[in-house]
N, C-alpha and C. Protein backbone atom coordinates (compact mmCIF):
# COMPACT_ATOMS: atom_id res chain seq x y z
N UNK A 1 0.80 -1.16 -0.02
CA UNK A 1 -0.05 -0.03 0.00
C UNK A 1 0.94 1.38 0.01
N UNK A 2 1.99 1.21 0.73
CA UNK A 2 2.76 2.35 0.84
C UNK A 2 3.43 2.71 -0.71
N UNK A 3 3.80 1.53 -1.43
CA UNK A 3 4.23 1.77 -2.79
C UNK A 3 3.37 2.34 -3.60
N UNK A 4 1.98 2.04 -3.54
CA UNK A 4 0.97 2.64 -4.27
C UNK A 4 0.94 4.11 -4.05
N UNK A 5 0.89 4.40 -2.81
CA UNK A 5 0.85 5.87 -2.38
C UNK A 5 2.07 6.66 -2.84
N UNK A 6 3.18 6.10 -2.77
CA UNK A 6 4.36 6.79 -3.32
C UNK A 6 4.46 6.92 -4.83
N UNK A 7 3.87 5.86 -5.59
CA UNK A 7 3.68 6.01 -7.08
C UNK A 7 2.71 7.16 -7.36
N UNK A 8 1.61 7.16 -6.69
CA UNK A 8 0.50 8.22 -6.84
C UNK A 8 1.18 9.54 -6.62
N UNK A 9 1.92 9.69 -5.52
CA UNK A 9 2.45 11.08 -5.25
C UNK A 9 3.52 11.52 -6.36
N UNK A 10 4.19 10.71 -6.89
CA UNK A 10 5.16 10.95 -8.03
C UNK A 10 4.40 11.35 -9.16
N UNK A 11 3.23 10.56 -9.59
CA UNK A 11 2.56 10.96 -10.77
C UNK A 11 1.89 12.32 -10.42
N UNK A 12 1.35 12.51 -9.29
CA UNK A 12 0.64 13.80 -9.12
C UNK A 12 1.60 14.98 -9.14
N UNK A 13 2.87 14.87 -8.59
CA UNK A 13 3.79 15.80 -8.72
C UNK A 13 4.28 16.04 -10.26
N UNK A 14 4.45 14.98 -10.93
CA UNK A 14 4.67 15.23 -12.50
C UNK A 14 3.63 15.95 -12.99
N UNK A 15 2.38 15.72 -12.82
CA UNK A 15 1.21 16.40 -13.36
C UNK A 15 1.05 17.87 -12.94
N UNK A 16 1.36 18.10 -11.77
CA UNK A 16 1.20 19.44 -11.08
C UNK A 16 2.28 20.38 -11.54
N UNK A 17 3.62 19.77 -11.32
CA UNK A 17 4.68 20.65 -11.51
C UNK A 17 5.24 20.52 -12.80
N UNK A 18 4.58 21.41 -13.91
CA UNK A 18 4.87 21.66 -15.13
C UNK A 18 6.01 22.49 -15.37
N UNK A 19 7.08 22.01 -16.13
CA UNK A 19 8.27 23.06 -16.31
C UNK A 19 7.46 24.11 -17.43
N UNK A 20 8.15 25.29 -17.37
CA UNK A 20 7.69 26.41 -18.08
C UNK A 20 6.85 27.42 -17.21
N UNK A 21 6.09 26.94 -16.17
CA UNK A 21 5.56 27.89 -15.21
C UNK A 21 6.55 28.69 -14.53
N UNK A 22 7.58 28.14 -13.98
CA UNK A 22 8.56 28.69 -13.23
C UNK A 22 9.39 29.71 -14.21
N UNK A 23 9.67 29.19 -15.41
CA UNK A 23 10.35 30.10 -16.32
C UNK A 23 9.55 31.48 -16.67
N UNK A 24 8.12 31.30 -16.69
CA UNK A 24 7.28 32.52 -16.83
C UNK A 24 7.41 33.42 -15.57
N UNK A 25 7.52 32.82 -14.41
CA UNK A 25 7.60 33.69 -13.21
C UNK A 25 8.87 34.52 -13.27
N UNK A 26 9.78 33.70 -13.65
CA UNK A 26 11.25 34.46 -13.74
C UNK A 26 11.37 35.39 -14.81
N UNK A 27 10.51 35.24 -15.85
CA UNK A 27 10.70 36.05 -16.92
C UNK A 27 9.99 37.43 -16.73
N UNK A 28 8.90 37.31 -15.76
CA UNK A 28 8.21 38.55 -15.29
C UNK A 28 9.23 39.51 -14.51
N UNK A 29 10.03 38.80 -13.71
CA UNK A 29 11.01 39.58 -12.95
C UNK A 29 12.15 40.05 -13.69
N UNK A 30 12.58 39.35 -14.76
CA UNK A 30 13.61 39.62 -15.74
C UNK A 30 12.95 40.93 -16.58
N UNK A 31 11.80 40.86 -16.84
CA UNK A 31 11.27 42.07 -17.70
C UNK A 31 11.09 43.35 -16.82
N UNK A 32 10.86 43.12 -15.55
CA UNK A 32 10.66 44.32 -14.58
C UNK A 32 11.99 44.90 -14.50
N UNK A 33 13.06 44.23 -14.37
CA UNK A 33 14.33 44.76 -14.29
C UNK A 33 14.81 45.35 -15.54
N UNK A 34 14.51 44.71 -16.61
CA UNK A 34 14.91 45.31 -18.06
C UNK A 34 14.30 46.67 -18.21
N UNK A 35 13.03 46.88 -17.80
CA UNK A 35 12.49 48.02 -17.97
C UNK A 35 12.92 49.06 -17.22
N UNK A 36 13.57 48.92 -15.98
CA UNK A 36 14.16 49.80 -15.09
C UNK A 36 15.70 50.01 -15.39
N UNK A 37 16.14 49.35 -16.53
CA UNK A 37 17.44 49.48 -17.02
C UNK A 37 18.44 48.85 -15.95
N UNK A 38 17.98 47.94 -15.11
CA UNK A 38 18.75 47.31 -13.99
C UNK A 38 19.25 45.94 -14.63
N UNK A 39 20.20 45.91 -15.42
CA UNK A 39 20.71 44.75 -16.23
C UNK A 39 21.17 43.70 -15.44
N UNK A 40 21.92 43.95 -14.30
CA UNK A 40 22.51 42.95 -13.39
C UNK A 40 21.25 42.17 -12.71
N UNK A 41 20.27 42.87 -12.31
CA UNK A 41 19.06 42.28 -11.67
C UNK A 41 18.48 41.31 -12.63
N UNK A 42 18.24 41.90 -13.95
CA UNK A 42 17.73 41.06 -14.92
C UNK A 42 18.46 39.73 -15.19
N UNK A 43 19.69 39.86 -15.33
CA UNK A 43 20.54 38.70 -15.57
C UNK A 43 20.31 37.64 -14.37
N UNK A 44 20.50 38.24 -13.24
CA UNK A 44 20.20 37.50 -11.94
C UNK A 44 19.07 36.71 -11.89
N UNK A 45 17.91 37.33 -12.35
CA UNK A 45 16.73 36.84 -12.20
C UNK A 45 16.58 35.27 -13.08
N UNK A 46 17.48 35.16 -14.01
CA UNK A 46 17.61 33.94 -14.75
C UNK A 46 18.79 33.13 -14.49
N UNK A 47 19.97 33.67 -14.20
CA UNK A 47 21.19 33.00 -13.82
C UNK A 47 21.17 32.37 -12.49
N UNK A 48 20.40 33.07 -11.38
CA UNK A 48 20.41 32.46 -10.07
C UNK A 48 19.82 31.04 -10.00
N UNK A 49 19.14 30.58 -11.15
CA UNK A 49 18.46 29.36 -11.21
C UNK A 49 19.19 28.27 -12.07
N UNK A 50 20.43 28.63 -12.29
CA UNK A 50 21.17 27.75 -13.21
C UNK A 50 22.16 27.02 -12.35
N UNK A 51 22.39 25.65 -12.66
CA UNK A 51 23.35 24.88 -12.10
C UNK A 51 24.73 25.23 -12.40
N UNK A 52 25.45 25.92 -11.33
CA UNK A 52 26.80 26.29 -11.70
C UNK A 52 27.35 27.01 -10.36
N UNK A 53 28.64 27.16 -10.14
CA UNK A 53 29.38 27.56 -9.12
C UNK A 53 28.98 29.10 -8.85
N UNK A 54 29.04 29.54 -7.57
CA UNK A 54 28.93 31.04 -7.34
C UNK A 54 29.69 31.86 -8.08
N UNK A 55 31.03 31.58 -8.07
CA UNK A 55 31.93 32.33 -8.95
C UNK A 55 31.61 32.64 -10.30
N UNK A 56 31.44 31.48 -10.83
CA UNK A 56 30.98 31.30 -12.43
C UNK A 56 29.54 32.14 -12.56
N UNK A 57 28.74 32.01 -11.70
CA UNK A 57 27.36 32.60 -11.64
C UNK A 57 27.60 34.12 -11.66
N UNK A 58 28.39 34.74 -10.92
CA UNK A 58 28.75 36.22 -10.98
C UNK A 58 29.38 36.56 -12.13
N UNK A 59 30.20 35.80 -12.78
CA UNK A 59 30.93 36.08 -14.16
C UNK A 59 29.75 36.15 -15.15
N UNK A 60 28.88 35.18 -15.16
CA UNK A 60 27.78 35.16 -16.15
C UNK A 60 26.91 36.21 -16.02
N UNK A 61 26.62 36.58 -14.64
CA UNK A 61 25.61 37.73 -14.64
C UNK A 61 26.16 38.92 -15.23
N UNK A 62 27.52 39.25 -14.90
CA UNK A 62 28.09 40.53 -15.28
C UNK A 62 28.28 40.55 -16.86
N UNK A 63 28.44 39.24 -17.47
CA UNK A 63 28.51 39.33 -18.96
C UNK A 63 27.28 39.34 -19.44
N UNK A 64 26.25 38.89 -19.09
CA UNK A 64 24.87 38.98 -19.72
C UNK A 64 24.28 40.33 -19.27
N UNK A 65 24.69 41.06 -18.16
CA UNK A 65 24.30 42.46 -18.14
C UNK A 65 24.81 43.21 -19.08
N UNK A 66 26.08 43.15 -19.41
CA UNK A 66 26.73 44.01 -20.56
C UNK A 66 26.06 43.57 -21.86
N UNK A 67 25.72 42.40 -22.18
CA UNK A 67 25.07 41.94 -23.31
C UNK A 67 23.68 42.58 -23.39
N UNK A 68 22.82 42.56 -22.30
CA UNK A 68 21.38 43.19 -22.40
C UNK A 68 21.57 44.68 -22.48
N UNK A 69 22.72 45.35 -21.91
CA UNK A 69 22.68 46.74 -22.08
C UNK A 69 22.87 47.05 -23.66
N UNK A 70 23.76 46.34 -24.17
CA UNK A 70 24.08 46.59 -25.55
C UNK A 70 22.83 46.36 -26.52
N UNK A 71 22.06 45.08 -26.22
CA UNK A 71 20.95 44.84 -27.01
C UNK A 71 19.84 46.03 -26.90
N UNK A 72 19.67 46.39 -25.65
CA UNK A 72 18.82 47.41 -25.42
C UNK A 72 19.11 48.87 -26.19
N UNK A 73 20.28 49.13 -26.14
CA UNK A 73 20.84 50.29 -26.99
C UNK A 73 20.51 50.22 -28.31
N UNK A 74 20.73 48.94 -28.95
CA UNK A 74 20.37 48.62 -30.45
C UNK A 74 18.88 48.70 -30.78
N UNK A 75 18.10 48.06 -29.71
CA UNK A 75 16.63 47.57 -30.14
C UNK A 75 15.62 48.70 -29.57
N UNK A 76 16.19 49.54 -28.61
CA UNK A 76 15.22 50.62 -28.03
C UNK A 76 14.56 50.21 -26.78
N UNK A 77 13.88 50.94 -26.11
CA UNK A 77 13.15 50.74 -24.82
C UNK A 77 12.34 49.43 -24.88
N UNK A 78 12.35 48.71 -23.83
CA UNK A 78 11.79 47.41 -23.68
C UNK A 78 10.11 47.75 -23.43
N UNK A 79 9.35 47.17 -24.25
CA UNK A 79 7.86 47.41 -24.02
C UNK A 79 7.25 46.20 -23.34
N UNK A 80 7.46 45.00 -23.81
CA UNK A 80 6.77 43.84 -23.07
C UNK A 80 7.45 42.58 -23.71
N UNK A 81 6.87 41.45 -23.56
CA UNK A 81 7.19 40.14 -24.06
C UNK A 81 6.16 39.21 -24.41
N UNK A 82 6.39 38.52 -25.32
CA UNK A 82 5.40 37.48 -25.76
C UNK A 82 5.88 36.09 -25.75
N UNK A 83 5.19 35.20 -25.15
CA UNK A 83 5.72 33.60 -25.04
C UNK A 83 5.30 33.17 -26.36
N UNK A 84 6.48 32.68 -27.07
CA UNK A 84 6.11 32.14 -28.44
C UNK A 84 5.78 30.71 -28.44
N UNK A 85 6.50 29.95 -27.57
CA UNK A 85 6.28 28.59 -27.50
C UNK A 85 6.87 27.92 -26.19
N UNK A 86 6.37 26.74 -25.72
CA UNK A 86 6.93 25.89 -24.72
C UNK A 86 6.87 24.56 -25.45
N UNK A 87 8.03 23.84 -25.46
CA UNK A 87 8.10 22.62 -26.08
C UNK A 87 8.73 21.59 -25.26
N UNK A 88 8.26 20.31 -24.95
CA UNK A 88 8.63 19.42 -24.23
C UNK A 88 9.88 18.67 -24.92
N UNK A 89 11.03 18.73 -24.33
CA UNK A 89 12.15 18.01 -24.81
C UNK A 89 12.41 16.75 -24.37
N UNK A 90 12.00 16.42 -23.11
CA UNK A 90 12.11 15.00 -22.44
C UNK A 90 11.00 15.18 -21.36
N UNK A 91 10.98 14.07 -20.59
CA UNK A 91 9.94 13.91 -19.58
C UNK A 91 9.87 15.16 -18.60
N UNK A 92 11.25 15.60 -18.15
CA UNK A 92 11.24 16.64 -17.23
C UNK A 92 11.88 17.92 -17.81
N UNK A 93 12.06 17.94 -19.10
CA UNK A 93 12.75 19.05 -19.62
C UNK A 93 11.90 19.73 -20.64
N UNK A 94 11.92 21.03 -20.42
CA UNK A 94 11.13 21.86 -21.43
C UNK A 94 11.90 23.08 -21.93
N UNK A 95 11.55 23.53 -23.02
CA UNK A 95 12.22 24.57 -23.74
C UNK A 95 11.22 25.79 -23.94
N UNK A 96 11.39 26.93 -23.34
CA UNK A 96 10.32 28.12 -23.55
C UNK A 96 11.12 29.02 -24.15
N UNK A 97 10.50 29.74 -25.22
CA UNK A 97 11.05 30.75 -26.04
C UNK A 97 10.17 32.06 -25.93
N UNK A 98 10.64 33.22 -25.62
CA UNK A 98 10.12 34.48 -25.43
C UNK A 98 10.47 35.38 -26.43
N UNK A 99 9.64 36.28 -26.91
CA UNK A 99 10.01 37.32 -27.99
C UNK A 99 10.08 38.69 -26.95
N UNK A 100 11.14 39.30 -26.89
CA UNK A 100 11.23 40.60 -26.19
C UNK A 100 10.95 41.74 -27.09
N UNK A 101 9.79 42.32 -26.87
CA UNK A 101 9.47 43.50 -27.97
C UNK A 101 10.01 44.73 -27.48
N UNK A 102 10.64 45.60 -28.37
CA UNK A 102 11.19 46.89 -27.91
C UNK A 102 10.72 47.96 -28.97
N UNK A 103 11.12 49.24 -28.73
CA UNK A 103 10.83 50.38 -29.42
C UNK A 103 11.06 49.97 -31.14
N UNK A 104 12.31 49.62 -31.26
CA UNK A 104 12.76 49.48 -32.71
C UNK A 104 12.52 48.05 -33.36
N UNK A 105 12.88 47.10 -32.59
CA UNK A 105 12.57 45.68 -32.98
C UNK A 105 12.54 44.76 -31.94
N UNK A 106 12.63 43.46 -32.06
CA UNK A 106 12.61 42.64 -30.92
C UNK A 106 13.68 41.58 -30.92
N UNK A 107 13.96 41.00 -30.09
CA UNK A 107 14.82 39.69 -29.76
C UNK A 107 14.29 38.65 -29.04
N UNK A 108 14.98 37.62 -28.87
CA UNK A 108 14.59 36.22 -28.54
C UNK A 108 15.40 35.83 -27.25
N UNK A 109 14.68 35.26 -26.26
CA UNK A 109 15.22 34.70 -25.13
C UNK A 109 14.71 33.16 -24.98
N UNK A 110 15.76 32.29 -24.86
CA UNK A 110 15.30 30.86 -24.77
C UNK A 110 15.81 30.29 -23.43
N UNK A 111 14.91 29.68 -22.84
CA UNK A 111 15.21 29.02 -21.57
C UNK A 111 14.85 27.60 -21.53
N UNK A 112 15.73 26.76 -21.33
CA UNK A 112 15.73 25.40 -21.07
C UNK A 112 15.59 24.96 -19.60
N UNK A 113 14.44 24.34 -19.24
CA UNK A 113 14.18 24.17 -17.81
C UNK A 113 14.10 22.72 -17.38
N UNK A 114 14.55 22.41 -16.20
CA UNK A 114 14.47 20.93 -15.76
C UNK A 114 13.65 21.01 -14.36
N UNK A 115 12.62 20.17 -14.31
CA UNK A 115 11.97 20.10 -12.93
C UNK A 115 12.29 18.49 -12.42
N UNK A 116 12.94 18.63 -11.21
CA UNK A 116 13.47 17.51 -10.56
C UNK A 116 12.28 16.68 -10.00
N UNK A 117 12.37 15.34 -9.71
CA UNK A 117 11.36 14.66 -9.29
C UNK A 117 10.72 15.25 -7.87
N UNK A 118 11.56 16.00 -7.11
CA UNK A 118 11.00 16.51 -5.84
C UNK A 118 10.22 17.86 -6.18
N UNK A 119 10.09 18.26 -7.44
CA UNK A 119 9.40 19.46 -7.87
C UNK A 119 10.19 20.82 -7.92
N UNK A 120 11.47 20.67 -7.72
CA UNK A 120 12.33 21.86 -7.73
C UNK A 120 12.79 22.12 -9.29
N UNK A 121 12.62 23.43 -9.70
CA UNK A 121 12.88 23.84 -10.94
C UNK A 121 14.26 24.43 -11.12
N UNK A 122 14.92 24.22 -12.11
CA UNK A 122 16.22 24.96 -12.39
C UNK A 122 16.48 25.10 -13.98
N UNK A 123 17.22 26.02 -14.47
CA UNK A 123 17.38 26.22 -15.78
C UNK A 123 18.74 25.50 -16.14
N UNK A 124 18.89 24.82 -17.11
CA UNK A 124 20.14 24.28 -17.69
C UNK A 124 20.73 24.81 -18.82
N UNK A 125 19.95 25.61 -19.53
CA UNK A 125 20.50 26.51 -20.68
C UNK A 125 19.69 27.63 -20.85
N UNK A 126 20.45 28.84 -21.26
CA UNK A 126 19.69 29.95 -21.36
C UNK A 126 20.43 30.73 -22.65
N UNK A 127 19.66 31.40 -23.35
CA UNK A 127 20.28 32.35 -24.46
C UNK A 127 19.41 33.44 -24.91
N UNK A 128 20.12 34.40 -25.29
CA UNK A 128 19.55 35.70 -25.76
C UNK A 128 20.05 35.85 -27.31
N UNK A 129 19.13 36.02 -28.19
CA UNK A 129 19.50 35.97 -29.63
C UNK A 129 18.77 37.14 -30.19
N UNK A 130 19.59 37.83 -31.08
CA UNK A 130 19.20 38.91 -31.98
C UNK A 130 18.92 38.50 -33.48
N UNK A 131 18.64 39.28 -34.31
CA UNK A 131 18.52 39.08 -35.71
C UNK A 131 19.86 38.65 -36.21
N UNK A 132 20.94 39.44 -35.80
CA UNK A 132 22.22 39.11 -36.22
C UNK A 132 22.80 37.75 -35.87
N UNK A 133 22.27 37.30 -34.75
CA UNK A 133 22.77 35.98 -34.26
C UNK A 133 22.09 34.91 -35.18
N UNK A 134 20.82 35.08 -35.54
CA UNK A 134 20.17 34.23 -36.43
C UNK A 134 20.87 33.98 -37.90
N UNK A 135 21.19 35.38 -38.44
CA UNK A 135 21.79 35.46 -39.62
C UNK A 135 23.14 34.69 -39.72
N UNK A 136 23.80 35.00 -38.62
CA UNK A 136 25.24 34.39 -38.56
C UNK A 136 25.16 32.87 -38.35
N UNK A 137 24.17 32.33 -37.73
CA UNK A 137 24.03 30.84 -37.55
C UNK A 137 23.72 30.34 -39.08
N UNK A 138 22.87 30.88 -39.70
CA UNK A 138 22.54 30.34 -41.06
C UNK A 138 23.67 30.62 -42.08
N UNK A 139 24.53 31.56 -41.96
CA UNK A 139 25.57 31.83 -42.86
C UNK A 139 26.61 30.69 -42.67
N UNK A 140 26.81 30.17 -41.53
CA UNK A 140 27.69 29.20 -41.22
C UNK A 140 27.29 27.63 -41.92
N UNK A 141 25.93 27.57 -41.97
CA UNK A 141 25.55 26.22 -42.63
C UNK A 141 25.63 26.20 -44.12
């Protein structure tokens, strides 16, 4: 009977804890920080949930803060974001893609998320892409 209850709990957690919801909450924090031009806070909203050491996390936050600052200068003031898609990569892995809409144009943020069996979410990959990144990718092919 205990085994049945344990299995039921695991299935219930898998059903309730859908990856992507956590990414949506962090994206809201990310956007609030971007609108206030607080680029380190924006980067931290996403980087704090990636599996890496503290020193590497601080380096990545600083690098992405500079990257976001450059993107905003090129694309204009941040207006809002649109969730383009969430796709299931594996049982506990989802990929969510957001379009960040700005005054002049838009850019893309991609988050790959893992939900552990105990319900804890973390990001295992993150990327910010502009039109130039997409064109460079296809020029190499």
